[in-house]
Amino acid sequence: MIPDSISKQLREGNSSTVEFLGGAKVFAPIGRAVCAFLNGKGGDIFCGVTEGGEIVGVPDASGMADRLRKHLQEAITPHAPLLSVTVDEEDGRSIVTIEIPAGTQGPYVYEGAAYIRRGAATRAADAATLHRLLQAASVATELWEKRVSTALEYDDLDTGELEALMKEAAKAGRFVVEKPDDRLDILRQLGLTRGGQFTQAADVLFARNPALRHPQIRIRATCFEEDKESDRFLDDKVFEGPLVQMLERAEKFILRNMRTAVSFRGKGLQTDDRAEYPSEAIREGLVNAMAHRDYASFHGGVAVRLYPSRLEIWNAGHLPSPLKTGDLKKNHPSIPVNPDIVHVLYIRGYMNRIGRGTQKIVNLCREHGLKSPAWRDDSTGVTLTLFAQAEGHGKAGSVNPRQEALLAKIKPGEEIRPGKYRRQYAGGVTERQARRDLTELENANLLERVGAGATTRYRRTERDWKGRNRT
């Protein structure tokens, strides 16, 4: 089944960040487009889809994807580690999706030539563009994760973490280890050494206790007794160690402390247990915080705050330009702030589709019957908030008569514009109140916002207005 986020892109057509390639029997057009996206803002390529967005399919899609991965690894320089090549199927027809983040080590070259994206077309880069790309690359080399961790020694490495990486890489097929017995060479392949020394990304990912050199990487997790931050807490922990180990400990902290609803089935004693938040959404939120935080901030870190009504995951980072918090709920380019750290998380299976984790969180909360999650980007960092199930949330009693009239009339998949909603259902209230009505229905996952500005419209979701999910 093709994910909803991809279906939306197929409907919207080719753009500066989306390319459709029909049968894709020849790899050269794919390679040039991948190179162009790497040299720009990133993007997605769909093989087996016509320019009009029609799925025609690719024969032997899995075999084609394997050959394409190998070709791109060999034909593009420098190596682009975060390329994601996946296969999805719809009605017996398979498409191959290549997800390309914005590159950080360019300019990237495909078979001897550099390419860029101009609108919805791929073009060879001219001399002036190449100069600009070289200037951008010189800035990227100063990323915190690429600097040398001068105090890290070989004996400080956690060999268990390296062995876990090799095992998970072999299982997922996302990274080919050239010399399995040479741990130093593995780190070199991953770009985690520089001039014979380990980088700070290697320290964060594979050192036994990187907090000795980088105290800001710790995670603070607190479960509060009430809906405000105070000294009245039920559990409080600080986690340190290799990044993946910290991530898993923080996840266990949340799962241990969040509530579970128990309901009885029928007249017997059998029960259904339902976690307060979907576990996959929790993991995605933690992974995003660890992957995109600002590691250079000595006053930063990652904090988990669990309240009776919500879960907050904060990290000391900021959304990369030009992304805004509203973009996280829809298709948006992948702009990795820490590409080496993200690459290892991808290899180990913690990131399946680069750049789509935030949309996955939205969908998981929707399926769980929760209010839409929220992101806030302010001077201190980025905060993701998951909202617990409120009493009466999503039921008829929680919608006003105007909203109820709309929900009774509009069918799943149908759309309505704000102006039409006010004329037909909300004529007795202000324009501001009418828009608030629609926003509330969006937050309840009953409507989905499509477009922006003058093109804004709201599409009815599959969720029943009485709080049930349609089947």
Protein backbone atom coordinates (compact mmCIF):
# COMPACT_ATOMS: atom_id res chain seq x y z
CA MET A 1 0.00 0.00 0.00
CA ILE A 2 1.40 3.38 -1.00
CA PRO A 3 1.62 5.77 2.01
CA ASP A 4 -0.77 8.73 2.07
CA SER A 5 2.14 11.20 1.97
CA ILE A 6 3.30 9.72 -1.37
CA SER A 7 -0.23 9.62 -2.77
CA LYS A 8 -0.47 13.37 -2.15
CA GLN A 9 2.74 13.98 -4.09
CA LEU A 10 1.46 11.90 -7.00
CA ARG A 11 -1.66 14.06 -7.16
CA GLU A 12 0.31 17.33 -7.00
CA GLY A 13 2.64 16.48 -9.91
CA ASN A 14 6.21 17.39 -10.90
CA SER A 15 7.84 20.29 -9.08
CA SER A 16 11.22 21.63 -7.99
CA THR A 17 11.39 18.80 -5.45
CA VAL A 18 9.44 16.00 -7.20
CA GLU A 19 10.27 14.08 -10.40
CA PHE A 20 8.19 11.36 -12.11
CA LEU A 21 10.01 8.86 -14.33
CA GLY A 22 7.91 6.27 -16.15
CA GLY A 23 9.46 2.85 -16.69
CA ALA A 24 12.97 3.94 -15.66
CA LYS A 25 14.66 1.32 -17.85
CA VAL A 26 17.73 3.55 -18.13
CA PHE A 27 19.42 4.79 -14.95
CA ALA A 28 21.05 7.91 -16.41
CA PRO A 29 17.97 10.21 -16.08
CA ILE A 30 17.53 9.01 -12.50
CA GLY A 31 21.19 9.63 -11.66
CA ARG A 32 21.11 13.15 -13.09
CA ALA A 33 17.95 14.00 -11.14
CA VAL A 34 19.38 12.56 -7.90
CA CYS A 35 22.52 14.65 -8.39
CA ALA A 36 20.41 17.79 -8.99
CA PHE A 37 18.38 17.24 -5.81
CA LEU A 38 21.55 16.64 -3.78
CA ASN A 39 22.90 19.95 -5.05
CA GLY A 40 19.66 21.70 -4.12
CA LYS A 41 16.98 21.34 -1.47
CA GLY A 42 16.54 17.58 -1.82
CA GLY A 43 13.49 15.89 -3.28
CA ASP A 44 11.75 12.68 -4.32
CA ILE A 45 11.89 10.64 -7.51
CA PHE A 46 9.10 8.20 -8.39
CA CYS A 47 9.91 5.50 -10.92
CA GLY A 48 6.89 3.80 -12.48
CA VAL A 49 4.77 6.96 -12.49
CA THR A 50 3.91 9.02 -15.58
CA GLU A 51 4.25 12.82 -15.72
CA GLY A 52 0.50 13.01 -15.09
CA GLY A 53 0.85 11.10 -11.81
CA GLU A 54 -0.56 7.81 -13.13
CA ILE A 55 0.95 4.65 -11.62
CA VAL A 56 2.10 2.36 -14.44
CA GLY A 57 4.45 0.28 -12.32
CA VAL A 58 7.99 -1.05 -12.66
CA PRO A 59 8.65 -4.73 -13.49
CA ASP A 60 10.87 -6.55 -10.97
CA ALA A 61 10.81 -3.47 -8.73
CA SER A 62 12.87 -5.05 -5.92
CA GLY A 63 15.61 -6.14 -8.31
CA MET A 64 15.56 -2.75 -10.01
CA ALA A 65 15.85 -1.00 -6.63
CA ASP A 66 18.89 -3.11 -5.66
CA ARG A 67 20.62 -2.39 -8.98
CA LEU A 68 19.77 1.30 -8.71
CA ARG A 69 21.23 1.57 -5.17
CA LYS A 70 24.51 0.08 -6.36
CA HIS A 71 24.60 2.27 -9.47
CA LEU A 72 24.03 5.49 -7.54
CA GLN A 73 26.69 4.56 -4.96
CA GLU A 74 29.23 4.04 -7.75
CA ALA A 75 28.25 6.84 -10.15
CA ILE A 76 27.74 9.78 -7.75
CA THR A 77 30.65 11.52 -6.06
CA PRO A 78 31.18 12.37 -3.29
CA HIS A 79 29.28 9.46 -1.75
CA ALA A 80 25.69 10.42 -0.85
CA PRO A 81 25.01 8.34 2.28
CA LEU A 82 21.38 9.22 2.98
CA LEU A 83 19.78 8.11 -0.28
CA SER A 84 16.69 6.00 0.48
CA VAL A 85 15.46 3.64 -2.27
CA THR A 86 12.19 1.88 -1.39
CA VAL A 87 9.48 -0.12 -3.13
CA ASP A 88 5.72 0.41 -2.65
CA GLU A 89 2.82 -1.40 -4.29
CA GLU A 90 -0.69 -0.33 -5.26
CA ASP A 91 -3.19 -2.66 -6.99
CA GLY A 92 -0.44 -5.02 -8.14
CA ARG A 93 1.74 -2.26 -9.60
CA SER A 94 5.03 -1.37 -7.93
CA ILE A 95 6.80 1.97 -7.83
CA VAL A 96 10.37 2.68 -6.75
CA THR A 97 10.82 5.81 -4.66
CA ILE A 98 14.19 7.55 -4.22
CA GLU A 99 14.19 10.03 -1.34
CA ILE A 100 17.06 12.50 -1.55
CA PRO A 101 18.02 14.91 1.24
CA ALA A 102 19.72 18.23 0.61
CA GLY A 103 23.42 17.38 0.27
CA THR A 104 26.04 18.73 2.66
CA GLN A 105 29.30 17.71 0.96
CA GLY A 106 28.75 18.93 -2.61
CA PRO A 107 28.97 19.84 -5.29
CA TYR A 108 27.78 16.37 -6.27
CA VAL A 109 28.72 14.95 -9.65
CA TYR A 110 27.03 12.19 -11.65
CA GLU A 111 29.29 10.44 -14.17
CA GLY A 112 31.58 13.45 -14.42
CA ALA A 113 29.03 16.28 -14.54
CA ALA A 114 27.20 18.36 -11.91
CA TYR A 115 23.45 18.96 -12.19
CA ILE A 116 20.97 21.34 -10.57
CA ARG A 117 17.20 21.74 -10.44
CA ARG A 118 15.52 24.60 -12.33
CA GLY A 119 11.82 24.55 -11.58
CA ALA A 120 10.60 21.07 -12.51
CA ALA A 121 13.56 20.34 -14.80
CA THR A 122 17.10 19.00 -14.32
CA ARG A 123 19.90 21.03 -15.91
CA ALA A 124 23.70 20.84 -16.10
CA ALA A 125 25.33 23.30 -13.69
CA ASP A 126 27.18 26.27 -15.17
CA ALA A 127 30.45 27.74 -13.83
CA ALA A 128 28.77 30.34 -11.60
CA THR A 129 26.52 27.72 -9.99
CA LEU A 130 29.48 25.40 -9.40
CA HIS A 131 31.30 28.23 -7.61
CA ARG A 132 28.28 28.82 -5.37
CA LEU A 133 28.06 25.10 -4.57
CA LEU A 134 31.75 25.01 -3.64
CA GLN A 135 31.30 27.94 -1.27
CA ALA A 136 28.36 26.17 0.41
CA ALA A 137 30.46 22.99 0.78
CA SER A 138 33.23 24.88 2.60
CA VAL A 139 30.67 26.00 5.20
CA ALA A 140 29.31 22.44 5.61
CA THR A 141 32.73 21.10 6.60
CA GLU A 142 32.48 23.17 9.78
CA LEU A 143 29.48 21.21 11.06
CA TRP A 144 29.89 20.24 14.71
CA GLU A 145 29.57 16.53 13.98
CA LYS A 146 32.42 16.64 11.44
CA ARG A 147 34.95 18.22 13.78
CA VAL A 148 37.61 16.02 15.38
CA SER A 149 36.92 14.75 18.90
CA THR A 150 40.49 15.17 20.07
CA ALA A 151 40.14 13.30 23.38
CA LEU A 152 38.42 10.20 21.97
CA GLU A 153 40.65 7.11 21.87
CA TYR A 154 40.06 3.74 20.23
CA ASP A 155 39.70 2.04 23.63
CA ASP A 156 36.81 4.41 24.44
CA LEU A 157 34.62 2.89 21.70
CA ASP A 158 31.71 0.64 22.57
CA THR A 159 32.37 -2.44 20.44
CA GLY A 160 28.86 -3.73 21.10
CA GLU A 161 27.41 -0.69 19.33
CA LEU A 162 29.63 -1.28 16.30
CA GLU A 163 28.63 -4.95 16.18
CA ALA A 164 24.95 -3.95 16.42
CA LEU A 165 25.46 -1.58 13.49
CA MET A 166 26.97 -4.34 11.32
CA LYS A 167 24.21 -6.79 12.23
CA GLU A 168 21.41 -4.32 11.51
CA ALA A 169 23.10 -3.09 8.32
CA ALA A 170 23.30 -6.65 7.00
CA LYS A 171 19.66 -7.29 7.88
CA ALA A 172 18.31 -4.11 6.25
CA GLY A 173 20.72 -4.06 3.30
CA ARG A 174 21.34 -0.34 3.72
CA PHE A 175 25.10 -0.44 4.13
CA VAL A 176 27.72 -2.84 2.80
CA VAL A 177 30.63 -3.36 5.20
CA GLU A 178 33.81 -3.73 3.16
CA LYS A 179 36.01 -5.06 6.00
CA PRO A 180 33.84 -6.55 8.79
CA ASP A 181 36.84 -7.29 11.01
CA ASP A 182 38.28 -3.78 10.76
CA ARG A 183 36.28 -1.46 13.03
CA LEU A 184 38.38 1.55 12.10
CA ASP A 185 37.63 0.97 8.43
CA ILE A 186 33.90 0.78 9.18
CA LEU A 187 34.05 4.21 10.81
CA ARG A 188 36.05 5.48 7.84
CA GLN A 189 33.36 4.18 5.46
CA LEU A 190 30.77 6.06 7.47
CA GLY A 191 32.74 9.30 7.24
CA LEU A 192 33.35 9.26 11.00
CA THR A 193 37.11 9.73 10.83
CA ARG A 194 39.06 12.75 9.72
CA GLY A 195 42.81 12.85 9.27
CA GLY A 196 43.14 9.56 11.13
CA GLN A 197 41.13 10.81 14.13
CA PHE A 198 37.53 10.22 15.19
CA THR A 199 34.90 12.87 14.57
CA GLN A 200 32.49 14.15 17.18
CA ALA A 201 29.71 12.22 15.42
CA ALA A 202 31.69 9.01 16.04
CA ASP A 203 32.00 10.05 19.67
CA VAL A 204 28.26 10.61 20.11
CA LEU A 205 27.32 7.40 18.30
CA PHE A 206 29.91 4.86 19.42
CA ALA A 207 31.80 6.01 22.53
CA ARG A 208 31.01 4.29 25.82
CA ASN A 209 30.36 7.60 27.56
CA PRO A 210 30.51 10.59 25.20
CA ALA A 211 29.04 12.82 27.94
CA LEU A 212 32.51 12.93 29.52
CA ARG A 213 33.59 15.11 26.59
CA HIS A 214 30.19 16.46 25.51
CA PRO A 215 27.95 16.85 28.58
CA GLN A 216 25.25 18.56 26.53
CA ILE A 217 24.25 15.30 24.82
CA ARG A 218 22.49 13.89 27.90
CA ILE A 219 18.71 13.32 27.98
CA ARG A 220 16.69 14.52 30.97
CA ALA A 221 13.34 12.72 31.42
CA THR A 222 10.72 13.74 34.00
CA CYS A 223 7.20 12.52 34.73
CA PHE A 224 5.20 15.26 36.48
CA GLU A 225 2.33 14.70 38.87
CA GLU A 226 0.29 17.61 37.51
CA ASP A 227 -0.10 19.65 34.33
CA LYS A 228 2.59 22.16 35.14
CA GLU A 229 6.33 21.97 35.65
CA SER A 230 7.08 21.84 39.38
CA ASP A 231 9.09 19.90 41.94
CA ARG A 232 6.21 17.44 42.27
CA PHE A 233 7.27 14.64 39.95
CA LEU A 234 6.72 10.89 39.90
CA ASP A 235 9.92 9.89 38.10
CA ASP A 236 13.07 11.74 37.07
CA LYS A 237 16.08 10.33 35.22
CA VAL A 238 19.17 11.51 33.31
CA PHE A 239 20.46 9.24 30.55
CA GLU A 240 23.93 9.14 29.03
CA GLY A 241 25.92 6.76 26.86
CA PRO A 242 25.96 6.03 23.09
CA LEU A 243 23.17 7.78 21.25
CA VAL A 244 21.06 4.72 20.44
CA GLN A 245 21.27 3.45 24.02
CA MET A 246 20.09 6.82 25.34
CA LEU A 247 17.25 6.86 22.85
CA GLU A 248 16.05 3.41 23.90
CA ARG A 249 16.26 4.24 27.62
CA ALA A 250 14.23 7.40 27.09
CA GLU A 251 11.62 5.42 25.16
CA LYS A 252 11.35 2.86 27.98
CA PHE A 253 10.97 5.73 30.48
CA ILE A 254 7.93 7.06 28.59
CA LEU A 255 6.37 3.63 28.11
CA ARG A 256 6.87 2.87 31.80
CA ASN A 257 5.27 6.10 33.01
CA MET A 258 2.43 6.75 30.61
CA ARG A 259 -1.05 5.56 31.44
CA THR A 260 -2.83 2.57 29.90
CA ALA A 261 -6.59 2.51 29.44
CA VAL A 262 -8.25 -0.80 30.26
CA SER A 263 -11.69 -1.69 28.91
CA PHE A 264 -13.73 -4.89 29.27
CA ARG A 265 -14.88 -6.79 26.20
CA GLY A 266 -18.47 -7.98 26.26
CA LYS A 267 -19.75 -9.45 29.50
CA GLY A 268 -16.65 -11.48 30.32
CA LEU A 269 -13.47 -10.61 32.14
CA GLN A 270 -11.32 -10.23 29.01
CA THR A 271 -9.84 -6.75 28.64
CA ASP A 272 -8.39 -4.53 25.94
CA ASP A 273 -5.36 -2.47 26.96
CA ARG A 274 -4.72 0.76 25.08
CA ALA A 275 -1.58 2.82 25.60
CA GLU A 276 -1.99 6.54 26.11
CA TYR A 277 0.22 7.32 23.10
CA PRO A 278 1.19 5.16 20.10
CA SER A 279 4.64 3.69 20.77
CA GLU A 280 5.80 4.27 17.19
CA ALA A 281 5.00 7.97 17.46
CA ILE A 282 7.04 8.16 20.68
CA ARG A 283 10.04 6.57 19.00
CA GLU A 284 9.74 8.80 15.92
CA GLY A 285 9.62 11.87 18.16
CA LEU A 286 12.72 10.81 20.09
CA VAL A 287 14.62 9.89 16.91
CA ASN A 288 13.84 13.28 15.35
CA ALA A 289 15.00 15.07 18.50
CA MET A 290 18.29 13.16 18.57
CA ALA A 291 18.87 13.46 14.83
CA HIS A 292 18.16 17.14 14.34
CA ARG A 293 19.21 18.79 17.61
CA ASP A 294 22.00 21.36 17.84
CA TYR A 295 24.89 19.37 19.33
CA ALA A 296 27.12 22.44 19.40
CA SER A 297 24.95 24.16 22.01
CA PHE A 298 26.63 23.57 25.38
CA HIS A 299 23.49 24.78 27.16
CA GLY A 300 21.26 22.49 25.13
CA GLY A 301 20.27 18.87 25.14
CA VAL A 302 17.12 16.79 24.85
CA ALA A 303 14.34 16.81 27.45
CA VAL A 304 11.33 14.52 27.85
CA ARG A 305 8.46 15.91 29.94
CA LEU A 306 5.45 13.72 30.63
CA TYR A 307 2.36 15.43 32.08
CA PRO A 308 -1.12 14.00 32.76
CA SER A 309 -2.48 15.69 29.62
CA ARG A 310 0.49 15.70 27.23
CA LEU A 311 3.96 14.46 26.33
CA GLU A 312 6.63 16.99 25.33
CA ILE A 313 9.93 16.13 23.59
CA TRP A 314 12.25 19.14 23.39
CA ASN A 315 15.62 19.48 21.69
CA ALA A 316 18.08 22.36 21.51
CA GLY A 317 17.83 22.91 17.79
CA HIS A 318 15.88 24.88 15.21
CA LEU A 319 14.14 24.00 11.97
CA PRO A 320 16.48 24.54 9.02
CA SER A 321 15.53 27.35 6.68
CA PRO A 322 13.10 27.59 4.94
CA LEU A 323 11.03 25.04 6.92
CA LYS A 324 8.28 26.22 9.29
CA THR A 325 6.44 24.16 11.89
CA GLY A 326 3.38 23.95 9.63
CA ASP A 327 5.48 22.22 6.96
CA LEU A 328 6.12 19.26 9.26
CA LYS A 329 2.56 17.97 8.84
CA LYS A 330 2.84 17.78 5.05
CA ASN A 331 5.37 16.79 2.40
CA HIS A 332 8.57 18.75 2.90
CA PRO A 333 12.20 18.48 1.81
CA SER A 334 14.65 16.58 3.99
CA ILE A 335 17.38 18.92 5.24
CA PRO A 336 19.51 16.91 7.69
CA VAL A 337 21.27 19.09 10.24
CA ASN A 338 23.55 16.21 11.32
CA PRO A 339 23.83 14.05 8.16
CA ASP A 340 26.43 11.61 9.56
CA ILE A 341 24.38 10.91 12.70
CA VAL A 342 21.19 10.62 10.62
CA HIS A 343 22.92 8.17 8.26
CA VAL A 344 23.81 5.80 11.11
CA LEU A 345 20.25 6.01 12.51
CA TYR A 346 18.97 5.18 9.00
CA ILE A 347 21.31 2.20 8.65
CA ARG A 348 20.21 0.87 12.03
CA GLY A 349 16.53 1.07 11.09
CA TYR A 350 15.51 3.98 13.31
CA MET A 351 14.65 6.13 10.30
CA ASN A 352 12.83 4.33 7.50
CA ARG A 353 11.84 7.15 5.17
CA ILE A 354 14.12 10.14 5.39
CA GLY A 355 12.14 13.34 5.99
CA ARG A 356 8.77 11.65 6.60
CA GLY A 357 8.98 10.99 10.34
CA THR A 358 6.89 14.01 11.27
CA GLN A 359 4.08 12.99 8.92
CA LYS A 360 4.22 9.50 10.38
CA ILE A 361 3.72 10.96 13.87
CA VAL A 362 0.64 12.87 12.66
CA ASN A 363 -0.86 9.75 11.05
CA LEU A 364 -0.13 7.54 14.06
CA CYS A 365 -1.84 10.00 16.43
CA ARG A 366 -4.80 10.23 14.07
CA GLU A 367 -5.15 6.43 13.95
CA HIS A 368 -4.91 6.35 17.75
CA GLY A 369 -7.84 8.78 18.02
CA LEU A 370 -5.71 11.60 19.43
CA LYS A 371 -5.67 15.32 18.72
CA SER A 372 -3.14 16.33 16.06
CA PRO A 373 0.38 16.76 17.50
CA ALA A 374 1.98 20.20 17.58
CA TRP A 375 5.50 21.52 17.00
CA ARG A 376 6.87 24.78 18.40
CA ASP A 377 10.13 26.39 17.28
CA ASP A 378 11.19 29.22 19.60
CA SER A 379 14.38 30.79 20.92
CA THR A 380 15.15 27.80 23.18
CA GLY A 381 14.64 25.02 20.65
CA VAL A 382 12.03 22.77 19.03
CA THR A 383 9.28 21.09 21.06
CA LEU A 384 7.00 18.28 19.89
CA THR A 385 3.79 17.87 21.91
CA LEU A 386 1.60 14.77 21.82
CA PHE A 387 -1.79 15.26 23.43
CA ALA A 388 -3.43 12.62 25.59
CA GLN A 389 -6.99 11.49 24.95
CA ALA A 390 -9.24 14.10 26.53
CA GLU A 391 -12.57 13.04 27.97
CA GLY A 392 -15.21 13.44 25.30
CA HIS A 393 -12.63 14.26 22.60
CA GLY A 394 -13.91 13.61 19.10
CA LYS A 395 -17.51 12.83 20.15
CA ALA A 396 -20.67 14.67 19.16
CA GLY A 397 -20.73 16.61 22.40
CA SER A 398 -17.33 18.17 21.65
CA VAL A 399 -18.44 19.79 18.37
CA ASN A 400 -20.66 22.85 18.15
CA PRO A 401 -23.86 22.91 16.05
CA ARG A 402 -22.08 24.58 13.10
CA GLN A 403 -19.36 21.93 13.03
CA GLU A 404 -21.90 19.15 13.51
CA ALA A 405 -23.91 20.38 10.52
CA LEU A 406 -20.79 20.32 8.34
CA LEU A 407 -19.74 16.85 9.47
CA ALA A 408 -23.21 15.48 8.85
CA LYS A 409 -23.12 16.76 5.26
CA ILE A 410 -19.56 16.37 3.97
CA LYS A 411 -18.26 12.92 3.00
CA PRO A 412 -14.70 11.54 3.44
CA GLY A 413 -12.46 12.89 0.69
CA GLU A 414 -14.69 15.91 -0.07
CA GLU A 415 -13.28 19.41 0.40
CA ILE A 416 -14.64 22.76 1.52
CA ARG A 417 -13.13 26.25 1.45
CA PRO A 418 -13.27 28.52 4.54
CA GLY A 419 -15.47 31.05 2.75
CA LYS A 420 -18.00 28.44 1.72
CA TYR A 421 -18.07 27.01 5.26
CA ARG A 422 -18.92 30.43 6.69
CA ARG A 423 -21.64 31.11 4.10
CA GLN A 424 -23.36 27.75 4.47
CA TYR A 425 -22.79 26.80 8.11
CA ALA A 426 -21.41 29.73 10.12
CA GLY A 427 -23.19 32.85 8.86
CA GLY A 428 -23.99 34.03 12.38
CA VAL A 429 -20.36 34.22 13.60
CA THR A 430 -17.29 36.24 12.70
CA GLU A 431 -14.84 35.12 10.03
CA ARG A 432 -12.27 34.54 12.76
CA GLN A 433 -14.64 32.21 14.67
CA ALA A 434 -15.46 30.32 11.46
CA ARG A 435 -11.79 29.70 10.84
CA ARG A 436 -11.40 28.61 14.46
CA ASP A 437 -14.18 26.06 13.88
CA LEU A 438 -12.22 24.55 10.99
CA THR A 439 -8.94 24.55 12.93
CA GLU A 440 -10.59 22.71 15.82
CA LEU A 441 -11.89 20.05 13.43
CA GLU A 442 -8.40 19.78 11.92
CA ASN A 443 -6.87 19.29 15.38
CA ALA A 444 -9.46 16.58 16.07
CA ASN A 445 -8.35 14.82 12.84
CA LEU A 446 -11.82 15.24 11.35
CA LEU A 447 -10.59 17.62 8.65
CA GLU A 448 -7.23 17.88 6.91
CA ARG A 449 -5.87 21.22 5.70
CA VAL A 450 -4.85 21.28 2.02
CA GLY A 451 -2.96 24.15 0.41
CA ALA A 452 -2.11 27.52 1.95
CA GLY A 453 -3.17 31.16 1.77
CA ALA A 454 -5.86 31.83 -0.82
CA THR A 455 -5.84 28.18 -1.92
CA THR A 456 -6.55 26.80 1.57
CA ARG A 457 -9.29 24.18 1.74
CA TYR A 458 -10.22 21.44 4.19
CA ARG A 459 -10.64 17.79 3.21
CA ARG A 460 -12.85 15.42 5.22
CA THR A 461 -10.85 12.54 6.74
CA GLU A 462 -11.98 8.94 7.23
CA ARG A 463 -12.54 9.47 10.95
CA ASP A 464 -16.19 9.38 12.01
CA TRP A 465 -17.42 12.58 13.70
CA LYS A 466 -18.66 10.50 16.63
CA GLY A 467 -15.08 9.55 17.45
CA ARG A 468 -14.79 6.19 15.67
CA ASN A 469 -12.47 5.28 12.80
CA ARG A 470 -14.18 4.16 9.62
CA THR A 471 -13.21 0.71 8.38
